[in-house]
Each structure stands twice: as C-alpha cells, then as structure tokens.
Amino acid sequence: GADPAQSGTFRDNLSGITMDFPKELPDLQKQIV
C-alpha cells in the first residue's frame, strides 16, 4: 500500500516542476506560518 509507484501524487511522481524548492522551509517563512 505504501509503495510510491502506486501513488500518482507522490513527490517523485510529479512532473513538469521547473522550480527548485528547499528541503526545509526557510526561517523567515517559518515565522510567517
């Protein structure tokens, strides 16, 4: 059930992303949240 191949919306199965996202939310955005 947890096999990522069975999930079309799993992170690595998303397509067309051209923007580089940080692995962790930046400190300022954490403060904003």
PDB file of all heavy atoms in Angstrom:
ATOM      1  N   GLY A   1       0.805  -1.214   0.000  1.00  0.00           N
ATOM      2  CA  GLY A   1       0.000   0.000   0.000  1.00  0.00           C
ATOM      3  C   GLY A   1       0.840   1.268   0.000  1.00  0.00           C
ATOM      4  O   GLY A   1       0.453   2.289  -0.566  1.00  0.00           O
ATOM      5  N   ALA A   2       2.004   1.202   0.647  1.00  0.00           N
ATOM      6  CA  ALA A   2       2.864   2.375   0.770  1.00  0.00           C
ATOM      7  C   ALA A   2       3.832   2.537  -0.390  1.00  0.00           C
ATOM      8  O   ALA A   2       4.607   3.501  -0.414  1.00  0.00           O
ATOM      9  CB  ALA A   2       3.654   2.293   2.082  1.00  0.00           C
ATOM     10  N   ASP A   3       3.799   1.637  -1.352  1.00  0.00           N
ATOM     11  CA  ASP A   3       4.703   1.705  -2.499  1.00  0.00           C
ATOM     12  C   ASP A   3       4.470   3.016  -3.252  1.00  0.00           C
ATOM     13  O   ASP A   3       3.368   3.254  -3.757  1.00  0.00           O
ATOM     14  CB  ASP A   3       4.444   0.511  -3.421  1.00  0.00           C
ATOM     15  CG  ASP A   3       5.388   0.463  -4.605  1.00  0.00           C
ATOM     16  OD1 ASP A   3       6.184   1.397  -4.789  1.00  0.00           O
ATOM     17  OD2 ASP A   3       5.321  -0.527  -5.365  1.00  0.00           O
ATOM     18  N   PRO A   4       5.483   3.876  -3.367  1.00  0.00           N
ATOM     19  CA  PRO A   4       5.305   5.158  -4.069  1.00  0.00           C
ATOM     20  C   PRO A   4       4.831   4.999  -5.510  1.00  0.00           C
ATOM     21  O   PRO A   4       4.156   5.885  -6.040  1.00  0.00           O
ATOM     22  CB  PRO A   4       6.707   5.777  -4.020  1.00  0.00           C
ATOM     23  CG  PRO A   4       7.353   5.170  -2.824  1.00  0.00           C
ATOM     24  CD  PRO A   4       6.830   3.753  -2.789  1.00  0.00           C
ATOM     25  N   ALA A   5       5.154   3.875  -6.126  1.00  0.00           N
ATOM     26  CA  ALA A   5       4.734   3.651  -7.505  1.00  0.00           C
ATOM     27  C   ALA A   5       3.216   3.568  -7.636  1.00  0.00           C
ATOM     28  O   ALA A   5       2.669   3.740  -8.732  1.00  0.00           O
ATOM     29  CB  ALA A   5       5.372   2.372  -8.056  1.00  0.00           C
ATOM     30  N   GLN A   6       2.529   3.311  -6.515  1.00  0.00           N
ATOM     31  CA  GLN A   6       1.075   3.198  -6.519  1.00  0.00           C
ATOM     32  C   GLN A   6       0.383   4.540  -6.260  1.00  0.00           C
ATOM     33  O   GLN A   6      -0.842   4.607  -6.195  1.00  0.00           O
ATOM     34  CB  GLN A   6       0.618   2.192  -5.460  1.00  0.00           C
ATOM     35  CG  GLN A   6       1.139   0.774  -5.684  1.00  0.00           C
ATOM     36  CD  GLN A   6       0.438   0.068  -6.829  1.00  0.00           C
ATOM     37  OE1 GLN A   6      -0.515   0.572  -7.410  1.00  0.00           O
ATOM     38  NE2 GLN A   6       0.903  -1.122  -7.151  1.00  0.00           N
ATOM     39  N   SER A   7       1.174   5.610  -6.108  1.00  0.00           N
ATOM     40  CA  SER A   7       0.611   6.927  -5.816  1.00  0.00           C
ATOM     41  C   SER A   7       1.009   7.922  -6.896  1.00  0.00           C
ATOM     42  O   SER A   7       2.185   8.289  -7.011  1.00  0.00           O
ATOM     43  CB  SER A   7       1.093   7.433  -4.448  1.00  0.00           C
ATOM     44  OG  SER A   7       0.679   8.771  -4.236  1.00  0.00           O
ATOM     45  N   GLY A   8       0.041   8.366  -7.674  1.00  0.00           N
ATOM     46  CA  GLY A   8       0.316   9.321  -8.738  1.00  0.00           C
ATOM     47  C   GLY A   8       0.706  10.694  -8.247  1.00  0.00           C
ATOM     48  O   GLY A   8       1.268  11.494  -9.004  1.00  0.00           O
ATOM     49  N   THR A   9       0.417  10.996  -6.981  1.00  0.00           N
ATOM     50  CA  THR A   9       0.750  12.319  -6.452  1.00  0.00           C
ATOM     51  C   THR A   9       1.941  12.282  -5.511  1.00  0.00           C
ATOM     52  O   THR A   9       2.225  13.273  -4.831  1.00  0.00           O
ATOM     53  CB  THR A   9      -0.460  12.943  -5.720  1.00  0.00           C
ATOM     54  OG1 THR A   9      -0.852  12.088  -4.641  1.00  0.00           O
ATOM     55  CG2 THR A   9      -1.628  13.133  -6.673  1.00  0.00           C
ATOM     56  N   PHE A  10       2.632  11.133  -5.427  1.00  0.00           N
ATOM     57  CA  PHE A  10       3.852  11.074  -4.638  1.00  0.00           C
ATOM     58  C   PHE A  10       4.854  12.059  -5.206  1.00  0.00           C
ATOM     59  O   PHE A  10       4.936  12.274  -6.418  1.00  0.00           O
ATOM     60  CB  PHE A  10       4.430   9.651  -4.679  1.00  0.00           C
ATOM     61  CG  PHE A  10       5.746   9.497  -3.974  1.00  0.00           C
ATOM     62  CD1 PHE A  10       5.829   9.623  -2.596  1.00  0.00           C
ATOM     63  CD2 PHE A  10       6.905   9.238  -4.701  1.00  0.00           C
ATOM     64  CE1 PHE A  10       7.046   9.472  -1.944  1.00  0.00           C
ATOM     65  CE2 PHE A  10       8.123   9.088  -4.062  1.00  0.00           C
ATOM     66  CZ  PHE A  10       8.193   9.205  -2.674  1.00  0.00           C
ATOM     67  N   ARG A  11       5.652  12.654  -4.331  1.00  0.00           N
ATOM     68  CA  ARG A  11       6.569  13.722  -4.729  1.00  0.00           C
ATOM     69  C   ARG A  11       7.386  13.391  -5.980  1.00  0.00           C
ATOM     70  O   ARG A  11       7.447  14.172  -6.927  1.00  0.00           O
ATOM     71  CB  ARG A  11       7.512  14.039  -3.562  1.00  0.00           C
ATOM     72  CG  ARG A  11       8.666  14.965  -3.921  1.00  0.00           C
ATOM     73  CD  ARG A  11       9.544  15.219  -2.720  1.00  0.00           C
ATOM     74  NE  ARG A  11      10.758  15.923  -3.101  1.00  0.00           N
ATOM     75  CZ  ARG A  11      11.658  16.351  -2.229  1.00  0.00           C
ATOM     76  NH1 ARG A  11      11.487  16.158  -0.943  1.00  0.00           N
ATOM     77  NH2 ARG A  11      12.749  16.983  -2.641  1.00  0.00           N
ATOM     78  N   ASP A  12       8.006  12.222  -6.002  1.00  0.00           N
ATOM     79  CA  ASP A  12       8.883  11.872  -7.117  1.00  0.00           C
ATOM     80  C   ASP A  12       8.113  11.502  -8.378  1.00  0.00           C
ATOM     81  O   ASP A  12       8.723  11.351  -9.444  1.00  0.00           O
ATOM     82  CB  ASP A  12       9.808  10.712  -6.725  1.00  0.00           C
ATOM     83  CG  ASP A  12      10.810  11.115  -5.647  1.00  0.00           C
ATOM     84  OD1 ASP A  12      10.996  12.338  -5.444  1.00  0.00           O
ATOM     85  OD2 ASP A  12      11.389  10.222  -5.004  1.00  0.00           O
ATOM     86  N   ASN A  13       6.786  11.355  -8.271  1.00  0.00           N
ATOM     87  CA  ASN A  13       5.975  11.029  -9.436  1.00  0.00           C
ATOM     88  C   ASN A  13       5.346  12.261 -10.072  1.00  0.00           C
ATOM     89  O   ASN A  13       4.677  12.155 -11.105  1.00  0.00           O
ATOM     90  CB  ASN A  13       4.870  10.033  -9.063  1.00  0.00           C
ATOM     91  CG  ASN A  13       5.436   8.675  -8.664  1.00  0.00           C
ATOM     92  OD1 ASN A  13       6.552   8.323  -9.042  1.00  0.00           O
ATOM     93  ND2 ASN A  13       4.677   7.920  -7.892  1.00  0.00           N
ATOM     94  N   LEU A  14       5.548  13.427  -9.458  1.00  0.00           N
ATOM     95  CA  LEU A  14       5.046  14.670 -10.035  1.00  0.00           C
ATOM     96  C   LEU A  14       5.915  15.053 -11.225  1.00  0.00           C
ATOM     97  O   LEU A  14       7.124  14.831 -11.227  1.00  0.00           O
ATOM     98  CB  LEU A  14       5.056  15.792  -8.989  1.00  0.00           C
ATOM     99  CG  LEU A  14       4.188  15.572  -7.749  1.00  0.00           C
ATOM    100  CD1 LEU A  14       4.334  16.747  -6.793  1.00  0.00           C
ATOM    101  CD2 LEU A  14       2.729  15.382  -8.128  1.00  0.00           C
ATOM    102  N   SER A  15       5.306  15.654 -12.226  1.00  0.00           N
ATOM    103  CA  SER A  15       6.041  16.004 -13.440  1.00  0.00           C
ATOM    104  C   SER A  15       5.911  17.487 -13.759  1.00  0.00           C
ATOM    105  O   SER A  15       4.992  18.162 -13.295  1.00  0.00           O
ATOM    106  CB  SER A  15       5.531  15.176 -14.626  1.00  0.00           C
ATOM    107  OG  SER A  15       4.153  15.459 -14.863  1.00  0.00           O
ATOM    108  N   GLY A  16       6.862  17.981 -14.559  1.00  0.00           N
ATOM    109  CA  GLY A  16       6.785  19.345 -15.057  1.00  0.00           C
ATOM    110  C   GLY A  16       7.269  20.423 -14.108  1.00  0.00           C
ATOM    111  O   GLY A  16       7.098  21.614 -14.378  1.00  0.00           O
ATOM    112  N   ILE A  17       7.872  20.041 -12.971  1.00  0.00           N
ATOM    113  CA  ILE A  17       8.327  21.030 -11.992  1.00  0.00           C
ATOM    114  C   ILE A  17       9.676  21.591 -12.434  1.00  0.00           C
ATOM    115  O   ILE A  17      10.648  20.859 -12.616  1.00  0.00           O
ATOM    116  CB  ILE A  17       8.448  20.415 -10.593  1.00  0.00           C
ATOM    117  CG1 ILE A  17       7.089  19.878 -10.135  1.00  0.00           C
ATOM    118  CG2 ILE A  17       8.967  21.434  -9.593  1.00  0.00           C
ATOM    119  CD1 ILE A  17       7.126  19.154  -8.799  1.00  0.00           C
ATOM    120  N   THR A  18       9.741  22.908 -12.603  1.00  0.00           N
ATOM    121  CA  THR A  18      10.977  23.564 -13.032  1.00  0.00           C
ATOM    122  C   THR A  18      11.592  24.416 -11.929  1.00  0.00           C
ATOM    123  O   THR A  18      12.706  24.898 -12.078  1.00  0.00           O
ATOM    124  CB  THR A  18      10.713  24.446 -14.259  1.00  0.00           C
ATOM    125  OG1 THR A  18       9.701  25.416 -13.935  1.00  0.00           O
ATOM    126  CG2 THR A  18      10.232  23.600 -15.440  1.00  0.00           C
ATOM    127  N   MET A  19      10.886  24.600 -10.848  1.00  0.00           N
ATOM    128  CA  MET A  19      11.364  25.434  -9.740  1.00  0.00           C
ATOM    129  C   MET A  19      12.071  24.569  -8.706  1.00  0.00           C
ATOM    130  O   MET A  19      11.628  23.459  -8.405  1.00  0.00           O
ATOM    131  CB  MET A  19      10.174  26.170  -9.099  1.00  0.00           C
ATOM    132  CG  MET A  19      10.537  27.141  -7.990  1.00  0.00           C
ATOM    133  SD  MET A  19       9.065  28.048  -7.381  1.00  0.00           S
ATOM    134  CE  MET A  19       8.852  29.270  -8.689  1.00  0.00           C
ATOM    135  N   ASP A  20      13.180  25.049  -8.172  1.00  0.00           N
ATOM    136  CA  ASP A  20      13.912  24.332  -7.132  1.00  0.00           C
ATOM    137  C   ASP A  20      13.389  24.748  -5.755  1.00  0.00           C
ATOM    138  O   ASP A  20      13.434  25.925  -5.400  1.00  0.00           O
ATOM    139  CB  ASP A  20      15.410  24.637  -7.223  1.00  0.00           C
ATOM    140  CG  ASP A  20      16.049  24.054  -8.465  1.00  0.00           C
ATOM    141  OD1 ASP A  20      15.590  22.982  -8.900  1.00  0.00           O
ATOM    142  OD2 ASP A  20      16.986  24.669  -9.012  1.00  0.00           O
ATOM    143  N   PHE A  21      12.904  23.746  -5.004  1.00  0.00           N
ATOM    144  CA  PHE A  21      12.352  24.020  -3.693  1.00  0.00           C
ATOM    145  C   PHE A  21      13.340  23.606  -2.605  1.00  0.00           C
ATOM    146  O   PHE A  21      14.058  22.613  -2.747  1.00  0.00           O
ATOM    147  CB  PHE A  21      11.034  23.275  -3.494  1.00  0.00           C
ATOM    148  CG  PHE A  21       9.915  23.803  -4.336  1.00  0.00           C
ATOM    149  CD1 PHE A  21       9.601  23.200  -5.549  1.00  0.00           C
ATOM    150  CD2 PHE A  21       9.186  24.906  -3.927  1.00  0.00           C
ATOM    151  CE1 PHE A  21       8.581  23.694  -6.338  1.00  0.00           C
ATOM    152  CE2 PHE A  21       8.152  25.398  -4.712  1.00  0.00           C
ATOM    153  CZ  PHE A  21       7.854  24.802  -5.917  1.00  0.00           C
ATOM    154  N   PRO A  22      13.356  24.334  -1.487  1.00  0.00           N
ATOM    155  CA  PRO A  22      14.244  23.956  -0.384  1.00  0.00           C
ATOM    156  C   PRO A  22      13.745  22.695   0.301  1.00  0.00           C
ATOM    157  O   PRO A  22      12.551  22.389   0.275  1.00  0.00           O
ATOM    158  CB  PRO A  22      14.156  25.178   0.550  1.00  0.00           C
ATOM    159  CG  PRO A  22      12.789  25.745   0.290  1.00  0.00           C
ATOM    160  CD  PRO A  22      12.561  25.547  -1.182  1.00  0.00           C
ATOM    161  N   LYS A  23      14.660  21.942   0.896  1.00  0.00           N
ATOM    162  CA  LYS A  23      14.269  20.750   1.639  1.00  0.00           C
ATOM    163  C   LYS A  23      13.542  21.119   2.924  1.00  0.00           C
ATOM    164  O   LYS A  23      12.715  20.357   3.424  1.00  0.00           O
ATOM    165  CB  LYS A  23      15.500  19.900   1.955  1.00  0.00           C
ATOM    166  CG  LYS A  23      16.152  19.272   0.728  1.00  0.00           C
ATOM    167  CD  LYS A  23      17.325  18.400   1.119  1.00  0.00           C
ATOM    168  CE  LYS A  23      17.959  17.748  -0.107  1.00  0.00           C
ATOM    169  NZ  LYS A  23      19.112  16.882   0.267  1.00  0.00           N
ATOM    170  N   GLU A  24      13.852  22.273   3.458  1.00  0.00           N
ATOM    171  CA  GLU A  24      13.235  22.749   4.702  1.00  0.00           C
ATOM    172  C   GLU A  24      12.750  24.172   4.506  1.00  0.00           C
ATOM    173  O   GLU A  24      13.390  24.962   3.800  1.00  0.00           O
ATOM    174  CB  GLU A  24      14.249  22.689   5.851  1.00  0.00           C
ATOM    175  CG  GLU A  24      13.693  23.112   7.202  1.00  0.00           C
ATOM    176  CD  GLU A  24      14.725  22.989   8.311  1.00  0.00           C
ATOM    177  OE1 GLU A  24      15.704  22.239   8.121  1.00  0.00           O
ATOM    178  OE2 GLU A  24      14.549  23.637   9.364  1.00  0.00           O
ATOM    179  N   LEU A  25      11.631  24.505   5.110  1.00  0.00           N
ATOM    180  CA  LEU A  25      11.081  25.843   4.995  1.00  0.00           C
ATOM    181  C   LEU A  25      12.065  26.856   5.571  1.00  0.00           C
ATOM    182  O   LEU A  25      12.568  26.671   6.685  1.00  0.00           O
ATOM    183  CB  LEU A  25       9.741  25.921   5.741  1.00  0.00           C
ATOM    184  CG  LEU A  25       8.841  27.120   5.418  1.00  0.00           C
ATOM    185  CD1 LEU A  25       8.353  27.058   3.975  1.00  0.00           C
ATOM    186  CD2 LEU A  25       7.655  27.168   6.378  1.00  0.00           C
ATOM    187  N   PRO A  26      12.371  27.933   4.842  1.00  0.00           N
ATOM    188  CA  PRO A  26      13.290  28.950   5.365  1.00  0.00           C
ATOM    189  C   PRO A  26      12.790  29.539   6.679  1.00  0.00           C
ATOM    190  O   PRO A  26      11.586  29.563   6.952  1.00  0.00           O
ATOM    191  CB  PRO A  26      13.295  30.011   4.255  1.00  0.00           C
ATOM    192  CG  PRO A  26      12.924  29.259   3.004  1.00  0.00           C
ATOM    193  CD  PRO A  26      11.939  28.216   3.461  1.00  0.00           C
ATOM    194  N   ASP A  27      13.723  30.000   7.495  1.00  0.00           N
ATOM    195  CA  ASP A  27      13.376  30.511   8.827  1.00  0.00           C
ATOM    196  C   ASP A  27      12.340  31.620   8.767  1.00  0.00           C
ATOM    197  O   ASP A  27      11.418  31.668   9.599  1.00  0.00           O
ATOM    198  CB  ASP A  27      14.635  31.001   9.542  1.00  0.00           C
ATOM    199  CG  ASP A  27      15.533  29.854   9.981  1.00  0.00           C
ATOM    200  OD1 ASP A  27      15.039  28.714  10.052  1.00  0.00           O
ATOM    201  OD2 ASP A  27      16.716  30.100  10.269  1.00  0.00           O
ATOM    202  N   LEU A  28      12.464  32.535   7.809  1.00  0.00           N
ATOM    203  CA  LEU A  28      11.505  33.638   7.742  1.00  0.00           C
ATOM    204  C   LEU A  28      10.110  33.118   7.414  1.00  0.00           C
ATOM    205  O   LEU A  28       9.113  33.575   7.989  1.00  0.00           O
ATOM    206  CB  LEU A  28      11.943  34.669   6.704  1.00  0.00           C
ATOM    207  CG  LEU A  28      11.024  35.904   6.586  1.00  0.00           C
ATOM    208  CD1 LEU A  28      10.840  36.579   7.951  1.00  0.00           C
ATOM    209  CD2 LEU A  28      11.590  36.890   5.569  1.00  0.00           C
ATOM    210  N   GLN A  29      10.025  32.138   6.502  1.00  0.00           N
ATOM    211  CA  GLN A  29       8.712  31.570   6.179  1.00  0.00           C
ATOM    212  C   GLN A  29       8.132  30.791   7.356  1.00  0.00           C
ATOM    213  O   GLN A  29       6.908  30.751   7.537  1.00  0.00           O
ATOM    214  CB  GLN A  29       8.818  30.677   4.940  1.00  0.00           C
ATOM    215  CG  GLN A  29       8.577  31.398   3.607  1.00  0.00           C
ATOM    216  CD  GLN A  29       9.665  32.395   3.283  1.00  0.00           C
ATOM    217  OE1 GLN A  29      10.827  32.165   3.608  1.00  0.00           O
ATOM    218  NE2 GLN A  29       9.302  33.509   2.649  1.00  0.00           N
ATOM    219  N   LYS A  30       8.993  30.209   8.176  1.00  0.00           N
ATOM    220  CA  LYS A  30       8.509  29.570   9.399  1.00  0.00           C
ATOM    221  C   LYS A  30       7.873  30.609  10.316  1.00  0.00           C
ATOM    222  O   LYS A  30       6.812  30.373  10.913  1.00  0.00           O
ATOM    223  CB  LYS A  30       9.645  28.850  10.122  1.00  0.00           C
ATOM    224  CG  LYS A  30      10.134  27.592   9.430  1.00  0.00           C
ATOM    225  CD  LYS A  30      11.256  26.932  10.226  1.00  0.00           C
ATOM    226  CE  LYS A  30      11.730  25.654   9.550  1.00  0.00           C
ATOM    227  NZ  LYS A  30      12.857  25.014  10.296  1.00  0.00           N
ATOM    228  N   GLN A  31       8.512  31.746  10.432  1.00  0.00           N
ATOM    229  CA  GLN A  31       7.957  32.823  11.253  1.00  0.00           C
ATOM    230  C   GLN A  31       6.639  33.321  10.670  1.00  0.00           C
ATOM    231  O   GLN A  31       5.712  33.658  11.411  1.00  0.00           O
ATOM    232  CB  GLN A  31       8.960  33.973  11.346  1.00  0.00           C
ATOM    233  CG  GLN A  31      10.235  33.634  12.094  1.00  0.00           C
ATOM    234  CD  GLN A  31      11.219  34.790  12.114  1.00  0.00           C
ATOM    235  OE1 GLN A  31      10.853  35.930  12.411  1.00  0.00           O
ATOM    236  NE2 GLN A  31      12.474  34.506  11.799  1.00  0.00           N
ATOM    237  N   ILE A  32       6.553  33.342   9.344  1.00  0.00           N
ATOM    238  CA  ILE A  32       5.317  33.777   8.695  1.00  0.00           C
ATOM    239  C   ILE A  32       4.192  32.796   8.999  1.00  0.00           C
ATOM    240  O   ILE A  32       3.047  33.196   9.271  1.00  0.00           O
ATOM    241  CB  ILE A  32       5.542  33.911   7.173  1.00  0.00           C
ATOM    242  CG1 ILE A  32       6.434  35.127   6.888  1.00  0.00           C
ATOM    243  CG2 ILE A  32       4.208  34.039   6.431  1.00  0.00           C
ATOM    244  CD1 ILE A  32       6.855  35.241   5.438  1.00  0.00           C
ATOM    245  N   VAL A  33       4.486  31.482   8.947  1.00  0.00           N
ATOM    246  CA  VAL A  33       3.482  30.473   9.301  1.00  0.00           C
ATOM    247  C   VAL A  33       3.022  30.679  10.743  1.00  0.00           C
ATOM    248  O   VAL A  33       1.817  30.648  11.036  1.00  0.00           O
ATOM    249  CB  VAL A  33       4.047  29.051   9.112  1.00  0.00           C
ATOM    250  CG1 VAL A  33       3.104  28.013   9.735  1.00  0.00           C
ATOM    251  CG2 VAL A  33       4.257  28.743   7.636  1.00  0.00           C
TER     252      VAL A  33
END
